Amino acid sequence: MVQIMKNFKSIVLVSFLILLTSNVFAEEFEDKRVIEARVTFQKISHQNPWLVGEPFNRKLNIIHLGKGQFFGVTLSKQNPVYAEFESFDYSVPKLAIKAYDGETGFILLESKGMQKLPKSVGLDLKLTDKHCPTGKSRYVYLPFSKTPIKVFMLDQKKTEESDFFFKNQLLCGITISDFLIPTEYVELFLRSGGKSFPHPGFLFDVNLTPSEKEYYSKSVPNPLLVSEVIPGVGPAYNLFPGDLVTMINSFPLTKVDEWDRADKILDLLLRKSDGHLRELGETIQLKLHRNFQSLSISYDLRAYDSNDFLIPEEAKDRRPLYLIVGGFFFTELSNAYLKEFGSEYRVKSEKKLVYLSDYYQKKVHPVREKIVILSRVFPLEGNLGYQDFQDLVLEKVNGTRISSLSQLKTLLQSEESTYYAFELSGGKIAFFTKKEILDLQQELQSTYKLGRSYNLED
């Protein structure tokens, strides 16, 4: 009886402590302006895309923007699954990923069913323009990002982790290292439903030598030299390296002086005449000079995306495609695939693939093409003699040039073919009959139990 009473007291005490902790958390939670949270990501392998990657998480600070929506900045180029508040109270519900920009790491989280929420942070751009500190500004690129973001430079360097900067309860922006990302980026991210920010679509060179300036200014004064056009992002078939841009949105570049010229050019491309940010889909008009002719072109602003590259930086939506036929593991070449060989991937990976990545990554082609590679061969009884084939470019199948994994799948499903001849780089050839392929597929599943042998759309 005494033992039962002791157990009962222990249960009451534990329940009281849990209730007290929950109440304290709720009170602190409602009063907080910046809340700690964790985002859980899932690893993805471009060399083993059929495997479910291990989850990992990162801390971040978030703010409540109203209606159960929270904003924060986390790792870019990742695959977030869910988030949760940093708390010992396990009854706190998880946060859904409403939007995520892989370029900047901006993330919009959503909480459903929570009765008590912290006070929302207002995003009043008129007040921030009036009261928040300004100063020297310039365009920067966040880690692993190719999208230029205009920031204010801070006098003192902050932590490398992102945090929020307030002045008199007013959000002035996000601090990272020695710069401040102004509130206008948070406001646009929320208003657009979490869309990415526009990229100029092309790169330009402002650091010309005196002789280069003299050469390019013979035909037009103080032009902008186009150095690269981004396929799928900029006007890749209307604008070319070597073109001289003379006017952006009716603004003559003769009025742009040399001081901070690059930033002023980006302002013309990414901001409206009133200084506010442009959004995706807005039209840019250029006047340019090419081969002694004056031309006019226009294009719509898009977010940076390497999916239209011959060799993308990574698989679209971080979902590497694969197709396993007869134990041959085919995938589409990407930089992420090569980098999984480690920090010394340029030495450890196949030299031809590194060469293709270096010199042909952004090749412009009117037909969307990819480079299909044979990554490796799963050892099976029926493919002996081919098991040392690794990291080879698949050039042709039955005499047909291969330009994508989906095309390869369609070709292999053809009822007409009774055999398949795979022509690979280095003069290597693999030959199978249709029956041998079917037998190898059965052996593959019984031996390795991979589940599906491909992840392309049916």
Protein backbone atom coordinates (compact mmCIF):
# COMPACT_ATOMS: atom_id res chain seq x y z
CA MET A 1 0.00 0.00 0.00
CA VAL A 2 2.87 2.34 0.87
CA GLN A 3 4.56 1.52 -2.46
CA ILE A 4 1.34 2.30 -4.36
CA MET A 5 1.06 5.67 -2.60
CA LYS A 6 4.67 6.49 -3.51
CA ASN A 7 4.05 5.62 -7.16
CA PHE A 8 0.89 7.72 -7.16
CA LYS A 9 2.75 10.74 -5.72
CA SER A 10 5.48 10.34 -8.35
CA ILE A 11 2.91 10.28 -11.15
CA VAL A 12 1.18 13.39 -9.75
CA LEU A 13 4.53 15.19 -9.41
CA VAL A 14 5.62 14.35 -12.97
CA SER A 15 2.23 15.41 -14.34
CA PHE A 16 2.46 18.69 -12.42
CA LEU A 17 5.96 19.39 -13.76
CA ILE A 18 4.87 18.65 -17.34
CA LEU A 19 1.84 20.92 -16.95
CA LEU A 20 3.98 23.66 -15.38
CA THR A 21 6.59 23.38 -18.14
CA SER A 22 3.87 23.54 -20.80
CA ASN A 23 2.31 26.64 -19.24
CA VAL A 24 5.68 28.37 -18.91
CA PHE A 25 6.49 27.53 -22.54
CA ALA A 26 3.09 28.83 -23.67
CA GLU A 27 3.55 32.11 -21.81
CA GLU A 28 7.09 32.61 -23.10
CA PHE A 29 6.09 31.48 -26.58
CA GLU A 30 3.32 34.08 -26.90
CA ASP A 31 5.62 36.86 -25.69
CA LYS A 32 8.52 36.01 -27.94
CA ARG A 33 9.26 37.96 -31.10
CA VAL A 34 11.95 35.59 -32.39
CA ILE A 35 11.38 31.89 -31.83
CA GLU A 36 13.90 29.08 -32.05
CA ALA A 37 13.00 26.19 -34.33
CA ARG A 38 14.55 23.24 -36.12
CA VAL A 39 14.16 22.24 -39.75
CA THR A 40 14.56 18.59 -40.69
CA PHE A 41 16.07 17.88 -44.11
CA GLN A 42 16.46 14.65 -46.03
CA LYS A 43 19.72 13.80 -47.71
CA ILE A 44 19.60 12.91 -51.38
CA SER A 45 22.24 11.01 -53.33
CA HIS A 46 22.75 11.53 -57.06
CA GLN A 47 24.89 8.38 -57.17
CA ASN A 48 22.38 6.22 -55.25
CA PRO A 49 19.04 7.91 -56.00
CA TRP A 50 16.89 4.88 -55.07
CA LEU A 51 18.03 5.07 -51.44
CA VAL A 52 16.05 7.02 -48.83
CA GLY A 53 18.56 9.48 -47.42
CA GLU A 54 19.21 10.03 -43.74
CA PRO A 55 17.39 12.97 -42.13
CA PHE A 56 19.37 15.75 -40.46
CA ASN A 57 18.28 19.00 -38.84
CA ARG A 58 19.46 22.55 -38.33
CA LYS A 59 18.48 25.24 -35.86
CA LEU A 60 17.11 28.53 -37.09
CA ASN A 61 15.36 31.61 -35.79
CA ILE A 62 11.87 32.31 -37.10
CA ILE A 63 9.31 35.10 -36.77
CA HIS A 64 5.52 34.95 -36.92
CA LEU A 65 4.10 36.87 -39.87
CA GLY A 66 0.45 36.29 -38.99
CA LYS A 67 -2.18 33.62 -39.75
CA GLY A 68 0.10 30.89 -38.45
CA GLN A 69 2.84 31.58 -40.99
CA PHE A 70 6.46 31.75 -39.85
CA PHE A 71 9.52 32.96 -41.76
CA GLY A 72 13.18 32.08 -41.40
CA VAL A 73 16.43 31.58 -43.31
CA THR A 74 18.05 28.14 -43.36
CA LEU A 75 20.37 26.05 -45.52
CA SER A 76 20.05 26.53 -49.26
CA LYS A 77 20.09 23.81 -51.94
CA GLN A 78 18.54 21.23 -49.61
CA ASN A 79 15.35 19.19 -49.28
CA PRO A 80 13.36 20.34 -46.18
CA VAL A 81 10.72 17.90 -44.91
CA TYR A 82 9.22 19.57 -41.84
CA ALA A 83 10.06 21.92 -38.97
CA GLU A 84 9.23 22.15 -35.29
CA PHE A 85 9.61 24.62 -32.45
CA GLU A 86 12.65 24.17 -30.23
CA SER A 87 10.92 22.95 -27.07
CA PHE A 88 10.84 20.15 -24.52
CA ASP A 89 7.08 20.08 -24.89
CA TYR A 90 6.49 17.23 -27.35
CA SER A 91 2.82 18.17 -27.72
CA VAL A 92 3.78 21.23 -29.78
CA PRO A 93 2.68 20.45 -33.35
CA LYS A 94 5.09 20.26 -36.24
CA LEU A 95 5.32 23.03 -38.82
CA ALA A 96 4.57 22.29 -42.45
CA ILE A 97 6.87 23.58 -45.20
CA LYS A 98 4.67 26.01 -47.10
CA ALA A 99 7.41 27.41 -49.35
CA TYR A 100 11.16 27.07 -49.69
CA ASP A 101 13.57 28.92 -51.97
CA GLY A 102 16.58 26.73 -52.60
CA GLU A 103 18.60 29.71 -53.89
CA THR A 104 18.46 31.86 -50.76
CA GLY A 105 17.35 29.41 -48.07
CA PHE A 106 14.27 31.54 -47.36
CA ILE A 107 11.59 29.30 -45.84
CA LEU A 108 7.91 29.86 -45.05
CA LEU A 109 6.46 27.55 -42.40
CA GLU A 110 2.84 27.01 -41.50
CA SER A 111 1.24 25.94 -38.23
CA LYS A 112 -2.26 24.52 -38.19
CA GLY A 113 -4.38 23.88 -35.12
CA MET A 114 -2.33 25.99 -32.70
CA GLN A 115 -4.64 28.05 -30.51
CA LYS A 116 -1.96 30.32 -29.09
CA LEU A 117 0.54 32.03 -31.35
CA PRO A 118 3.17 34.72 -30.76
CA LYS A 119 2.45 38.29 -31.79
CA SER A 120 2.92 38.73 -35.51
CA VAL A 121 5.70 40.92 -36.89
CA GLY A 122 4.48 43.66 -39.23
CA LEU A 123 6.13 44.23 -42.60
CA ASP A 124 5.44 47.90 -43.25
CA LEU A 125 7.87 48.98 -45.96
CA LYS A 126 7.03 52.67 -45.58
CA LEU A 127 7.99 52.59 -41.90
CA THR A 128 11.12 50.55 -42.53
CA ASP A 129 12.25 53.00 -45.21
CA LYS A 130 11.71 55.82 -42.74
CA HIS A 131 13.12 54.42 -39.49
CA CYS A 132 15.51 51.57 -40.31
CA PRO A 133 19.22 52.26 -40.75
CA THR A 134 20.63 52.51 -44.25
CA GLY A 135 24.08 53.22 -45.55
CA LYS A 136 26.38 51.75 -48.16
CA SER A 137 24.63 49.08 -50.18
CA ARG A 138 25.79 46.51 -52.70
CA TYR A 139 24.66 43.30 -54.35
CA VAL A 140 25.91 40.04 -52.83
CA TYR A 141 25.38 36.33 -53.38
CA LEU A 142 24.31 34.21 -50.42
CA PRO A 143 26.22 30.92 -49.90
CA PHE A 144 25.76 28.54 -52.88
CA SER A 145 23.43 31.04 -54.57
CA LYS A 146 23.62 32.62 -58.03
CA THR A 147 20.88 35.21 -57.39
CA PRO A 148 22.09 38.75 -56.57
CA ILE A 149 20.55 40.26 -53.42
CA LYS A 150 20.93 43.94 -52.52
CA VAL A 151 22.04 44.43 -48.92
CA PHE A 152 23.22 47.16 -46.58
CA MET A 153 26.74 46.80 -45.20
CA LEU A 154 27.03 46.70 -41.39
CA ASP A 155 29.70 48.49 -39.39
CA GLN A 156 30.30 45.43 -37.23
CA LYS A 157 30.37 41.83 -38.37
CA LYS A 158 27.62 39.65 -36.93
CA THR A 159 27.41 35.87 -36.68
CA GLU A 160 27.47 33.79 -39.86
CA GLU A 161 24.09 32.39 -38.84
CA SER A 162 21.06 34.39 -39.97
CA ASP A 163 19.24 36.51 -37.40
CA PHE A 164 16.65 39.28 -37.37
CA PHE A 165 17.36 42.96 -36.76
CA PHE A 166 14.69 45.12 -35.11
CA LYS A 167 14.46 48.79 -34.30
CA ASN A 168 11.67 49.87 -31.95
CA GLN A 169 9.63 46.71 -32.61
CA LEU A 170 10.06 47.26 -36.37
CA LEU A 171 11.69 44.54 -38.47
CA CYS A 172 14.54 46.09 -40.43
CA GLY A 173 15.79 42.91 -42.04
CA ILE A 174 17.98 39.82 -41.72
CA THR A 175 21.59 39.97 -40.59
CA ILE A 176 24.14 37.53 -41.99
CA SER A 177 27.84 38.12 -41.42
CA ASP A 178 28.52 41.80 -42.18
CA PHE A 179 25.39 42.70 -44.14
CA LEU A 180 21.68 43.32 -43.65
CA ILE A 181 19.08 41.94 -46.08
CA PRO A 182 16.29 44.56 -45.97
CA THR A 183 12.70 43.72 -45.03
CA GLU A 184 11.49 44.21 -48.61
CA TYR A 185 12.81 40.75 -49.52
CA VAL A 186 10.84 39.15 -46.66
CA GLU A 187 7.72 41.07 -47.68
CA LEU A 188 8.01 40.02 -51.35
CA PHE A 189 8.67 36.40 -50.39
CA LEU A 190 5.50 36.37 -48.27
CA ARG A 191 3.36 38.28 -50.78
CA SER A 192 4.40 36.05 -53.69
CA GLY A 193 3.61 32.88 -51.76
CA GLY A 194 7.25 31.92 -51.38
CA LYS A 195 8.47 32.33 -54.96
CA SER A 196 12.15 32.78 -55.77
CA PHE A 197 13.64 36.15 -56.59
CA PRO A 198 14.42 37.15 -60.21
CA HIS A 199 17.81 36.70 -61.81
CA PRO A 200 19.03 39.24 -64.42
CA GLY A 201 19.25 36.43 -66.98
CA PHE A 202 22.74 37.31 -68.14
CA LEU A 203 26.17 38.25 -66.81
CA PHE A 204 28.15 41.30 -67.85
CA ASP A 205 31.68 42.63 -67.57
CA VAL A 206 32.34 46.08 -66.13
CA ASN A 207 36.03 45.59 -65.38
CA LEU A 208 37.33 46.33 -68.86
CA THR A 209 40.92 47.30 -69.56
CA PRO A 210 41.56 50.74 -71.13
CA SER A 211 42.20 49.11 -74.51
CA GLU A 212 38.95 47.10 -74.24
CA LYS A 213 37.00 50.24 -73.35
CA GLU A 214 38.51 52.04 -76.33
CA TYR A 215 37.70 49.13 -78.65
CA TYR A 216 34.07 48.66 -77.55
CA SER A 217 33.37 52.40 -77.40
CA LYS A 218 34.26 52.97 -81.05
CA SER A 219 30.69 52.30 -82.15
CA VAL A 220 28.72 53.23 -79.00
CA PRO A 221 29.75 55.27 -75.94
CA ASN A 222 30.13 53.51 -72.57
CA PRO A 223 28.30 50.25 -73.46
CA LEU A 224 27.65 47.20 -71.27
CA LEU A 225 29.48 44.11 -72.51
CA VAL A 226 27.48 40.86 -72.22
CA SER A 227 29.78 38.05 -71.09
CA GLU A 228 27.33 35.17 -70.60
CA VAL A 229 23.63 34.41 -71.08
CA ILE A 230 22.04 31.88 -68.71
CA PRO A 231 20.11 29.17 -70.64
CA GLY A 232 16.50 28.86 -69.49
CA VAL A 233 16.80 32.04 -67.40
CA GLY A 234 17.83 34.78 -69.84
CA PRO A 235 17.07 35.38 -73.53
CA ALA A 236 19.55 32.72 -74.69
CA TYR A 237 18.59 32.86 -78.37
CA ASN A 238 18.29 36.64 -78.68
CA LEU A 239 21.18 37.87 -76.56
CA PHE A 240 24.75 36.65 -77.05
CA PRO A 241 28.19 37.10 -75.44
CA GLY A 242 29.87 40.10 -77.05
CA ASP A 243 26.65 42.09 -77.46
CA LEU A 244 26.86 45.72 -76.31
CA VAL A 245 23.81 46.83 -74.30
CA THR A 246 23.17 50.56 -74.64
CA MET A 247 19.81 50.96 -72.90
CA ILE A 248 17.84 49.11 -70.19
CA ASN A 249 14.11 49.85 -69.90
CA SER A 250 14.52 53.13 -71.81
CA PHE A 251 17.34 54.25 -69.50
CA PRO A 252 20.52 55.08 -71.49
CA LEU A 253 23.66 53.54 -70.01
CA THR A 254 25.67 56.62 -70.94
CA LYS A 255 24.16 58.11 -67.75
CA VAL A 256 25.62 55.31 -65.59
CA ASP A 257 29.06 56.36 -64.42
CA GLU A 258 31.92 54.04 -63.51
CA TRP A 259 31.42 54.29 -59.74
CA ASP A 260 29.47 51.20 -58.54
CA ARG A 261 28.54 50.58 -62.16
CA ALA A 262 27.75 46.87 -61.64
CA ASP A 263 25.31 47.61 -58.80
CA LYS A 264 23.62 50.37 -60.76
CA ILE A 265 23.17 48.03 -63.74
CA LEU A 266 21.59 45.41 -61.44
CA ASP A 267 19.29 48.10 -60.05
CA LEU A 268 18.05 48.83 -63.58
CA LEU A 269 17.43 45.14 -64.20
CA LEU A 270 16.01 44.03 -60.86
CA ARG A 271 14.29 47.16 -59.54
CA LYS A 272 11.55 49.44 -60.78
CA SER A 273 12.05 53.16 -61.34
CA ASP A 274 10.67 53.81 -57.81
CA GLY A 275 13.32 51.52 -56.30
CA HIS A 276 10.99 48.63 -55.41
CA LEU A 277 11.87 45.06 -56.28
CA ARG A 278 10.72 43.59 -59.55
CA GLU A 279 8.86 40.28 -59.46
CA LEU A 280 9.08 37.16 -61.59
CA GLY A 281 7.46 37.60 -64.98
CA GLU A 282 8.10 41.32 -65.33
CA THR A 283 9.42 42.32 -68.75
CA ILE A 284 12.89 43.75 -69.35
CA GLN A 285 13.59 45.69 -72.54
CA LEU A 286 17.10 46.05 -73.89
CA LYS A 287 18.59 48.04 -76.71
CA LEU A 288 21.90 46.71 -77.94
CA HIS A 289 24.54 46.95 -80.62
CA ARG A 290 25.70 43.86 -82.55
CA ASN A 291 27.77 43.71 -85.74
CA PHE A 292 27.28 47.43 -86.38
CA GLN A 293 23.50 47.06 -86.07
CA SER A 294 21.13 48.42 -83.41
CA LEU A 295 18.66 45.87 -82.06
CA SER A 296 15.87 45.75 -79.46
CA ILE A 297 14.94 42.67 -77.47
CA SER A 298 12.69 41.95 -74.50
CA TYR A 299 12.40 39.04 -72.08
CA ASP A 300 10.62 38.14 -68.85
CA LEU A 301 12.50 37.84 -65.57
CA ARG A 302 12.87 34.31 -64.25
CA ALA A 303 14.39 32.67 -61.20
CA TYR A 304 17.83 31.09 -61.51
CA ASP A 305 17.51 27.43 -62.48
CA SER A 306 20.12 25.17 -64.04
CA ASN A 307 17.61 22.60 -65.31
CA ASP A 308 17.96 23.83 -68.92
CA PHE A 309 21.73 23.42 -68.82
CA LEU A 310 23.21 20.52 -70.76
CA ILE A 311 24.72 19.50 -67.41
CA PRO A 312 22.58 20.86 -64.53
CA GLU A 313 24.16 21.79 -61.23
CA GLU A 314 21.84 19.30 -59.58
CA ALA A 315 18.73 17.29 -60.46
CA LYS A 316 15.49 19.24 -60.84
CA ASP A 317 13.65 19.57 -57.52
CA ARG A 318 16.54 17.56 -56.03
CA ARG A 319 15.04 14.39 -57.48
CA PRO A 320 17.78 12.57 -59.44
CA LEU A 321 16.36 10.43 -62.25
CA TYR A 322 17.59 6.90 -62.76
CA LEU A 323 16.89 3.85 -64.89
CA ILE A 324 18.35 0.39 -64.25
CA VAL A 325 18.35 -1.98 -67.23
CA GLY A 326 20.02 -5.37 -67.10
CA GLY A 327 21.88 -4.21 -63.99
CA PHE A 328 23.17 -1.13 -65.86
CA PHE A 329 22.49 1.96 -63.73
CA PHE A 330 21.84 4.95 -66.02
CA THR A 331 21.35 8.52 -64.84
CA GLU A 332 21.73 12.07 -66.19
CA LEU A 333 25.04 13.79 -65.55
CA SER A 334 25.01 16.71 -63.11
CA ASN A 335 27.64 18.60 -61.14
CA ALA A 336 26.12 17.23 -57.94
CA TYR A 337 26.79 13.69 -59.21
CA LEU A 338 30.49 14.49 -59.69
CA LYS A 339 30.84 16.29 -56.36
CA GLU A 340 29.65 13.20 -54.48
CA PHE A 341 33.10 11.76 -55.16
CA GLY A 342 34.30 14.15 -52.43
CA SER A 343 36.32 17.34 -52.19
CA GLU A 344 38.87 15.90 -54.64
CA TYR A 345 36.20 14.94 -57.16
CA ARG A 346 38.15 16.49 -60.02
CA VAL A 347 40.90 13.93 -59.42
CA LYS A 348 38.80 10.93 -58.30
CA SER A 349 35.99 11.06 -60.86
CA GLU A 350 36.10 10.19 -64.55
CA LYS A 351 38.19 12.82 -66.38
CA LYS A 352 35.93 12.96 -69.43
CA LEU A 353 32.89 13.79 -67.26
CA VAL A 354 34.82 16.56 -65.49
CA TYR A 355 35.89 17.92 -68.89
CA LEU A 356 32.28 17.95 -70.14
CA SER A 357 31.16 19.71 -66.96
CA ASP A 358 33.87 22.36 -67.29
CA TYR A 359 33.38 23.22 -70.95
CA TYR A 360 29.85 22.22 -71.92
CA GLN A 361 27.75 22.75 -68.80
CA LYS A 362 25.81 25.77 -70.09
CA LYS A 363 25.72 24.81 -73.75
CA VAL A 364 22.75 26.45 -75.47
CA HIS A 365 20.70 24.08 -77.63
CA PRO A 366 17.22 24.59 -79.12
CA VAL A 367 16.25 21.09 -77.96
CA ARG A 368 16.43 20.38 -74.24
CA GLU A 369 19.15 17.75 -73.98
CA LYS A 370 20.98 15.95 -71.20
CA ILE A 371 24.02 13.69 -71.06
CA VAL A 372 23.02 10.17 -70.05
CA ILE A 373 25.76 8.18 -68.33
CA LEU A 374 26.24 4.59 -67.25
CA SER A 375 27.21 5.11 -63.62
CA ARG A 376 28.04 1.50 -62.81
CA VAL A 377 26.88 -2.09 -63.28
CA PHE A 378 25.21 -4.21 -60.59
CA PRO A 379 27.04 -7.57 -60.67
CA LEU A 380 24.67 -10.29 -61.95
CA GLU A 381 25.20 -13.70 -63.48
CA GLY A 382 23.89 -12.50 -66.82
CA ASN A 383 26.09 -9.38 -67.23
CA LEU A 384 29.52 -10.86 -66.63
CA GLY A 385 32.14 -9.09 -68.74
CA TYR A 386 30.49 -5.70 -68.33
CA GLN A 387 30.93 -5.23 -64.59
CA ASP A 388 33.98 -2.98 -64.93
CA PHE A 389 31.98 -0.45 -67.02
CA GLN A 390 31.73 2.73 -64.95
CA ASP A 391 31.03 6.43 -65.55
CA LEU A 392 30.72 6.12 -69.31
CA VAL A 393 28.64 8.36 -71.57
CA LEU A 394 25.80 6.49 -73.29
CA GLU A 395 26.06 7.70 -76.88
CA LYS A 396 23.65 5.48 -78.84
CA VAL A 397 21.22 2.59 -78.47
CA ASN A 398 20.50 0.60 -81.64
CA GLY A 399 22.04 3.45 -83.65
CA THR A 400 19.82 6.16 -82.10
CA ARG A 401 21.60 9.02 -80.33
CA ILE A 402 20.49 9.32 -76.68
CA SER A 403 19.69 12.81 -75.35
CA SER A 404 17.68 12.08 -72.18
CA LEU A 405 16.78 9.33 -69.76
CA SER A 406 13.09 9.48 -70.70
CA GLN A 407 14.03 8.95 -74.38
CA LEU A 408 16.11 5.92 -73.38
CA LYS A 409 13.18 4.46 -71.43
CA THR A 410 10.82 4.94 -74.40
CA LEU A 411 13.33 3.31 -76.74
CA LEU A 412 13.75 0.27 -74.47
CA GLN A 413 9.97 -0.18 -74.22
CA SER A 414 9.61 -0.37 -78.00
CA GLU A 415 7.89 -3.57 -79.10
CA GLU A 416 9.80 -3.64 -82.37
CA SER A 417 13.28 -4.26 -80.97
CA THR A 418 14.40 -7.80 -80.20
CA TYR A 419 17.90 -6.77 -79.12
CA TYR A 420 19.66 -3.73 -77.66
CA ALA A 421 23.15 -2.51 -78.56
CA PHE A 422 24.45 0.09 -76.10
CA GLU A 423 27.26 2.21 -77.56
CA LEU A 424 29.31 3.89 -74.82
CA SER A 425 32.22 6.32 -74.70
CA GLY A 426 35.67 4.86 -75.21
CA GLY A 427 34.40 2.62 -78.00
CA LYS A 428 32.76 0.17 -75.58
CA ILE A 429 29.62 -1.74 -76.60
CA ALA A 430 27.18 -3.87 -74.59
CA PHE A 431 24.75 -6.19 -76.37
CA PHE A 432 21.64 -7.91 -74.95
CA THR A 433 18.56 -9.58 -76.41
CA LYS A 434 15.18 -8.52 -75.09
CA LYS A 435 14.80 -11.87 -73.29
CA GLU A 436 18.20 -11.41 -71.61
CA ILE A 437 17.13 -7.97 -70.40
CA LEU A 438 13.89 -9.39 -68.90
CA ASP A 439 15.79 -12.20 -67.18
CA LEU A 440 18.36 -9.75 -65.80
CA GLN A 441 15.58 -7.52 -64.41
CA GLN A 442 14.16 -10.47 -62.46
CA GLU A 443 17.63 -11.40 -61.19
CA LEU A 444 18.24 -7.76 -60.19
CA GLN A 445 15.08 -7.60 -58.07
CA SER A 446 15.62 -10.98 -56.41
CA THR A 447 19.28 -10.18 -55.64
CA TYR A 448 19.20 -6.50 -54.62
CA LYS A 449 15.50 -5.89 -53.82
CA LEU A 450 15.64 -2.28 -55.02
CA GLY A 451 11.90 -1.88 -55.43
CA ARG A 452 11.45 0.14 -58.60
CA SER A 453 14.15 0.00 -61.23
CA TYR A 454 13.40 3.57 -62.37
CA ASN A 455 11.75 6.78 -61.11
CA LEU A 456 10.68 8.37 -64.39
CA GLU A 457 7.07 9.20 -65.17
CA ASP A 458 5.15 6.33 -66.75
